[in-house]
């Protein structure tokens, strides 16, 4: 079963706890840009899909 997150911040916190070097990689990603409110829908879907790939299955 997958854990439900109520906010994007909770997802990011989970990533930062589970993935070595995640904080530095996240900062690099933010610096290079990522989908924003004006981006295309496929770009947003790919971004969120990649976040879930980083987290992997999470037990509740």
Protein backbone atom coordinates (compact mmCIF):
# COMPACT_ATOMS: atom_id res chain seq x y z
CA UNK A 1 0.00 0.00 0.00
CA UNK A 2 1.20 3.49 -0.76
CA UNK A 3 1.28 6.28 1.77
CA UNK A 4 -1.01 9.23 1.03
CA UNK A 5 0.52 12.69 1.28
CA UNK A 6 -1.63 15.73 1.95
CA UNK A 7 0.90 18.28 0.66
CA UNK A 8 3.81 18.45 -1.74
CA UNK A 9 5.95 19.49 1.22
CA UNK A 10 5.29 16.14 2.87
CA UNK A 11 6.42 14.36 -0.30
CA UNK A 12 9.62 16.40 -0.40
CA UNK A 13 10.30 15.79 3.29
CA UNK A 14 9.97 12.04 2.69
CA UNK A 15 12.40 12.23 -0.23
CA UNK A 16 14.92 14.23 1.76
CA UNK A 17 14.80 11.69 4.59
CA UNK A 18 15.16 8.59 2.40
CA UNK A 19 17.57 9.56 -0.37
CA UNK A 20 21.26 10.29 0.28
CA UNK A 21 22.33 13.62 -1.23
CA UNK A 22 18.68 14.48 -1.96
CA UNK A 23 18.98 17.94 -0.42
CA UNK A 24 21.85 18.96 -2.68
CA UNK A 25 20.17 17.46 -5.74
CA UNK A 26 16.88 19.18 -4.93
CA UNK A 27 18.64 22.52 -4.64
CA UNK A 28 20.34 21.91 -7.99
CA UNK A 29 16.97 21.06 -9.56
CA UNK A 30 15.36 24.18 -8.14
CA UNK A 31 18.25 26.27 -9.44
CA UNK A 32 17.85 24.83 -12.95
CA UNK A 33 14.07 25.21 -12.92
CA UNK A 34 11.16 22.80 -12.85
CA UNK A 35 7.55 22.84 -14.02
CA UNK A 36 5.67 25.87 -12.76
CA UNK A 37 2.05 26.94 -12.92
CA UNK A 38 2.51 27.92 -16.56
CA UNK A 39 4.22 24.70 -17.69
CA UNK A 40 2.64 22.01 -19.82
CA UNK A 41 0.60 19.23 -18.23
CA UNK A 42 3.00 16.46 -19.43
CA UNK A 43 5.91 18.32 -17.81
CA UNK A 44 4.06 18.41 -14.48
CA UNK A 45 3.15 14.72 -14.74
CA UNK A 46 6.75 13.76 -15.47
CA UNK A 47 8.02 15.89 -12.56
CA UNK A 48 5.59 14.30 -10.08
CA UNK A 49 6.26 10.82 -11.50
CA UNK A 50 9.99 11.34 -10.93
CA UNK A 51 9.35 12.44 -7.34
CA UNK A 52 7.43 9.22 -6.68
CA UNK A 53 10.22 7.18 -8.29
CA UNK A 54 12.66 8.76 -5.83
CA UNK A 55 10.43 7.98 -2.86
CA UNK A 56 9.58 4.43 -3.87
CA UNK A 57 6.95 2.40 -2.03
CA UNK A 58 6.25 3.80 1.43
CA UNK A 59 4.52 1.72 4.07
CA UNK A 60 1.85 3.48 6.09
